[in-house]
Amino acid sequence: MILLIGCTDEPNESNFLVSIKNESSHSFAIRGFKNNSIVYQEILNNNENGTSCGYTDENFRGIFVNHCGIDSLVLEFNDNRGYISTYNNSGNFNFSNKRNPLLPNSGFNINENTYEFLVTIEDYENAFELPE
C-alpha cells in the first residue's frame, strides 16, 4: 500500500495601496518611466497624495515595476531640483537615508496596508540640481 500525502503552500497574499504624499510645503512634478518612456506624470501641491497603485502580493514591494508599471521616477520641484529614483537604486540623485519610493524602505508612512512615500521639507532642502 502506498500512501501519498500532498501539501500545497498557498501564498499568504495581501492587498497593498501605494502612493506619494507631498509634505514638503513646495509643489513638485512626478514623472514615472518604464524602459525610458514616460508612462505617468502629475503635479502634487502641499498635503496632496499622488495617484495610488494597488496590487496583491505576499510582501510590500514599494511602487514596484511589475505591479505599478514604472522602473524609474523623477520628482522635480519648481526650482529644477529634485530626485531620480530607480528600481535598482542606482545613480547619484537618490533620496537620503536609502529611501526610494520604488523599493520597500523606511520612507513610507504605513496605515494597515496603505503605504504613503512621504516627501518632506528636508527632502526639499536637500534636493539635487537635476540634469536637463
C-alpha atoms as a PDB file:
ATOM      1  CA  MET A   1       0.000   0.000   0.000  1.00  0.00           C
ATOM      2  CA  ILE A   2       1.321   3.416  -0.980  1.00  0.00           C
ATOM      3  CA  LEU A   3       0.090   6.460   0.835  1.00  0.00           C
ATOM      4  CA  LEU A   4       0.601   9.796  -0.878  1.00  0.00           C
ATOM      5  CA  ILE A   5       0.088  12.900   1.142  1.00  0.00           C
ATOM      6  CA  GLY A   6       0.155  16.166  -0.719  1.00  0.00           C
ATOM      7  CA  CYS A   7       0.782  19.551   0.731  1.00  0.00           C
ATOM      8  CA  THR A   8       0.406  22.838  -1.036  1.00  0.00           C
ATOM      9  CA  ASP A   9       1.795  26.067   0.203  1.00  0.00           C
ATOM     10  CA  GLU A  10      -0.779  28.657  -0.689  1.00  0.00           C
ATOM     11  CA  PRO A  11       0.801  32.104  -0.569  1.00  0.00           C
ATOM     12  CA  ASN A  12      -0.478  34.412   2.138  1.00  0.00           C
ATOM     13  CA  GLU A  13      -1.146  37.447  -0.035  1.00  0.00           C
ATOM     14  CA  SER A  14      -2.317  40.901   0.991  1.00  0.00           C
ATOM     15  CA  ASN A  15      -3.656  43.912  -0.895  1.00  0.00           C
ATOM     16  CA  PHE A  16      -1.347  46.933  -0.892  1.00  0.00           C
ATOM     17  CA  LEU A  17      -2.143  50.513  -1.838  1.00  0.00           C
ATOM     18  CA  VAL A  18       0.862  52.763  -2.524  1.00  0.00           C
ATOM     19  CA  SER A  19       1.147  56.491  -3.222  1.00  0.00           C
ATOM     20  CA  ILE A  20       3.438  59.500  -2.850  1.00  0.00           C
ATOM     21  CA  LYS A  21       2.423  62.250  -0.413  1.00  0.00           C
ATOM     22  CA  ASN A  22       3.713  65.826  -0.513  1.00  0.00           C
ATOM     23  CA  GLU A  23       4.566  67.103   2.970  1.00  0.00           C
ATOM     24  CA  SER A  24       7.300  69.462   1.743  1.00  0.00           C
ATOM     25  CA  SER A  25       5.331  72.770   1.567  1.00  0.00           C
ATOM     26  CA  HIS A  26       6.510  73.028  -2.072  1.00  0.00           C
ATOM     27  CA  SER A  27       4.800  71.804  -5.230  1.00  0.00           C
ATOM     28  CA  PHE A  28       6.585  69.198  -7.319  1.00  0.00           C
ATOM     29  CA  ALA A  29       6.113  67.239 -10.517  1.00  0.00           C
ATOM     30  CA  ILE A  30       6.348  63.464 -10.635  1.00  0.00           C
ATOM     31  CA  ARG A  31       7.251  61.664 -13.850  1.00  0.00           C
ATOM     32  CA  GLY A  32       7.263  57.874 -13.962  1.00  0.00           C
ATOM     33  CA  PHE A  33       9.123  55.955 -16.664  1.00  0.00           C
ATOM     34  CA  LYS A  34       9.271  52.406 -17.943  1.00  0.00           C
ATOM     35  CA  ASN A  35      12.058  51.477 -20.360  1.00  0.00           C
ATOM     36  CA  ASN A  36      12.919  55.206 -20.731  1.00  0.00           C
ATOM     37  CA  SER A  37       9.384  56.123 -21.878  1.00  0.00           C
ATOM     38  CA  ILE A  38       7.201  58.354 -19.744  1.00  0.00           C
ATOM     39  CA  VAL A  39       4.093  56.479 -18.599  1.00  0.00           C
ATOM     40  CA  TYR A  40       2.833  58.649 -15.739  1.00  0.00           C
ATOM     41  CA  GLN A  41       3.011  62.295 -14.675  1.00  0.00           C
ATOM     42  CA  GLU A  42       1.275  64.603 -12.245  1.00  0.00           C
ATOM     43  CA  ILE A  43       1.870  67.656 -10.055  1.00  0.00           C
ATOM     44  CA  LEU A  44       1.399  67.466  -6.291  1.00  0.00           C
ATOM     45  CA  ASN A  45       0.767  70.513  -4.121  1.00  0.00           C
ATOM     46  CA  ASN A  46       1.360  70.509  -0.369  1.00  0.00           C
ATOM     47  CA  ASN A  47      -0.575  67.808   1.551  1.00  0.00           C
ATOM     48  CA  GLU A  48      -1.724  66.110  -1.641  1.00  0.00           C
ATOM     49  CA  ASN A  49      -1.398  62.417  -2.391  1.00  0.00           C
ATOM     50  CA  GLY A  50      -0.481  61.227  -5.841  1.00  0.00           C
ATOM     51  CA  THR A  51      -2.326  58.606  -7.824  1.00  0.00           C
ATOM     52  CA  SER A  52      -2.370  55.312  -5.954  1.00  0.00           C
ATOM     53  CA  CYS A  53      -1.140  51.989  -7.241  1.00  0.00           C
ATOM     54  CA  GLY A  54      -2.791  48.897  -5.836  1.00  0.00           C
ATOM     55  CA  TYR A  55      -1.541  45.325  -6.004  1.00  0.00           C
ATOM     56  CA  THR A  56      -1.749  41.948  -4.305  1.00  0.00           C
ATOM     57  CA  ASP A  57       1.434  40.212  -3.184  1.00  0.00           C
ATOM     58  CA  GLU A  58       2.956  38.265  -0.312  1.00  0.00           C
ATOM     59  CA  ASN A  59       5.101  41.275   0.676  1.00  0.00           C
ATOM     60  CA  PHE A  60       5.146  45.036   0.284  1.00  0.00           C
ATOM     61  CA  ARG A  61       7.459  45.891  -2.613  1.00  0.00           C
ATOM     62  CA  GLY A  62       7.222  49.688  -2.955  1.00  0.00           C
ATOM     63  CA  ILE A  63       5.990  51.237  -6.179  1.00  0.00           C
ATOM     64  CA  PHE A  64       7.199  48.096  -7.896  1.00  0.00           C
ATOM     65  CA  VAL A  65       7.746  47.819 -11.653  1.00  0.00           C
ATOM     66  CA  ASN A  66       5.829  44.543 -12.040  1.00  0.00           C
ATOM     67  CA  HIS A  67       2.770  45.923 -10.268  1.00  0.00           C
ATOM     68  CA  CYS A  68       2.804  49.682 -10.878  1.00  0.00           C
ATOM     69  CA  GLY A  69       4.385  49.748 -14.324  1.00  0.00           C
ATOM     70  CA  ILE A  70       7.345  52.083 -13.710  1.00  0.00           C
ATOM     71  CA  ASP A  71      11.063  51.391 -13.323  1.00  0.00           C
ATOM     72  CA  SER A  72      12.268  54.927 -12.574  1.00  0.00           C
ATOM     73  CA  LEU A  73      10.773  58.088 -11.179  1.00  0.00           C
ATOM     74  CA  VAL A  74      11.753  61.761 -11.363  1.00  0.00           C
ATOM     75  CA  LEU A  75      10.477  64.069  -8.647  1.00  0.00           C
ATOM     76  CA  GLU A  76      11.181  67.711  -9.534  1.00  0.00           C
ATOM     77  CA  PHE A  77      10.450  70.830  -7.504  1.00  0.00           C
ATOM     78  CA  ASN A  78       9.703  74.149  -9.267  1.00  0.00           C
ATOM     79  CA  ASP A  79      13.337  75.271  -8.922  1.00  0.00           C
ATOM     80  CA  ASN A  80      14.676  72.386 -11.099  1.00  0.00           C
ATOM     81  CA  ARG A  81      15.960  70.495  -8.066  1.00  0.00           C
ATOM     82  CA  GLY A  82      14.769  67.077  -7.035  1.00  0.00           C
ATOM     83  CA  TYR A  83      15.448  63.345  -7.136  1.00  0.00           C
ATOM     84  CA  ILE A  84      15.748  60.486  -9.601  1.00  0.00           C
ATOM     85  CA  SER A  85      14.882  57.072  -8.192  1.00  0.00           C
ATOM     86  CA  THR A  86      15.346  53.737  -9.953  1.00  0.00           C
ATOM     87  CA  TYR A  87      14.166  50.214  -9.150  1.00  0.00           C
ATOM     88  CA  ASN A  88      17.790  49.135  -8.558  1.00  0.00           C
ATOM     89  CA  ASN A  89      18.694  52.249  -6.501  1.00  0.00           C
ATOM     90  CA  SER A  90      21.433  53.287  -8.943  1.00  0.00           C
ATOM     91  CA  GLY A  91      22.504  56.815  -9.797  1.00  0.00           C
ATOM     92  CA  ASN A  92      23.573  59.927  -7.924  1.00  0.00           C
ATOM     93  CA  PHE A  93      20.238  61.681  -7.367  1.00  0.00           C
ATOM     94  CA  ASN A  94      18.558  59.388  -4.829  1.00  0.00           C
ATOM     95  CA  PHE A  95      16.726  60.389  -1.669  1.00  0.00           C
ATOM     96  CA  SER A  96      18.830  60.373   1.511  1.00  0.00           C
ATOM     97  CA  ASN A  97      18.959  57.534   4.048  1.00  0.00           C
ATOM     98  CA  LYS A  98      18.424  54.854   1.388  1.00  0.00           C
ATOM     99  CA  ARG A  99      14.823  55.973   0.862  1.00  0.00           C
ATOM    100  CA  ASN A 100      13.360  55.103  -2.511  1.00  0.00           C
ATOM    101  CA  PRO A 101       9.666  55.167  -3.483  1.00  0.00           C
ATOM    102  CA  LEU A 102      10.218  52.204  -5.811  1.00  0.00           C
ATOM    103  CA  LEU A 103      11.518  49.887  -3.074  1.00  0.00           C
ATOM    104  CA  PRO A 104      10.366  48.844   0.407  1.00  0.00           C
ATOM    105  CA  ASN A 105      12.146  51.036   2.987  1.00  0.00           C
ATOM    106  CA  SER A 106      11.640  53.403   5.907  1.00  0.00           C
ATOM    107  CA  GLY A 107      10.419  56.305   3.750  1.00  0.00           C
ATOM    108  CA  PHE A 108       6.817  55.093   3.859  1.00  0.00           C
ATOM    109  CA  ASN A 109       4.094  56.043   6.308  1.00  0.00           C
ATOM    110  CA  ILE A 110       2.111  52.842   6.902  1.00  0.00           C
ATOM    111  CA  ASN A 111      -1.540  52.568   7.876  1.00  0.00           C
ATOM    112  CA  GLU A 112      -2.515  48.882   7.700  1.00  0.00           C
ATOM    113  CA  ASN A 113      -1.797  48.010   4.038  1.00  0.00           C
ATOM    114  CA  THR A 114      -1.797  51.599   2.780  1.00  0.00           C
ATOM    115  CA  TYR A 115       1.713  52.932   2.178  1.00  0.00           C
ATOM    116  CA  GLU A 116       2.494  56.615   1.531  1.00  0.00           C
ATOM    117  CA  PHE A 117       6.009  57.610   0.484  1.00  0.00           C
ATOM    118  CA  LEU A 118       6.461  60.933   2.292  1.00  0.00           C
ATOM    119  CA  VAL A 119       8.278  63.812   0.586  1.00  0.00           C
ATOM    120  CA  THR A 120       9.249  66.207   3.386  1.00  0.00           C
ATOM    121  CA  ILE A 121      10.646  69.714   3.831  1.00  0.00           C
ATOM    122  CA  GLU A 122      14.034  68.057   4.460  1.00  0.00           C
ATOM    123  CA  ASP A 123      13.754  66.438   1.036  1.00  0.00           C
ATOM    124  CA  TYR A 124      13.160  69.862  -0.490  1.00  0.00           C
ATOM    125  CA  GLU A 125      16.122  71.358   1.383  1.00  0.00           C
ATOM    126  CA  ASN A 126      18.445  68.504   0.346  1.00  0.00           C
ATOM    127  CA  ALA A 127      17.267  68.168  -3.276  1.00  0.00           C
ATOM    128  CA  PHE A 128      19.808  67.861  -6.090  1.00  0.00           C
ATOM    129  CA  GLU A 129      20.241  70.103  -9.120  1.00  0.00           C
ATOM    130  CA  LEU A 130      18.782  67.805 -11.756  1.00  0.00           C
ATOM    131  CA  PRO A 131      20.344  67.316 -15.177  1.00  0.00           C
ATOM    132  CA  GLU A 132      18.409  68.704 -18.145  1.00  0.00           C
END
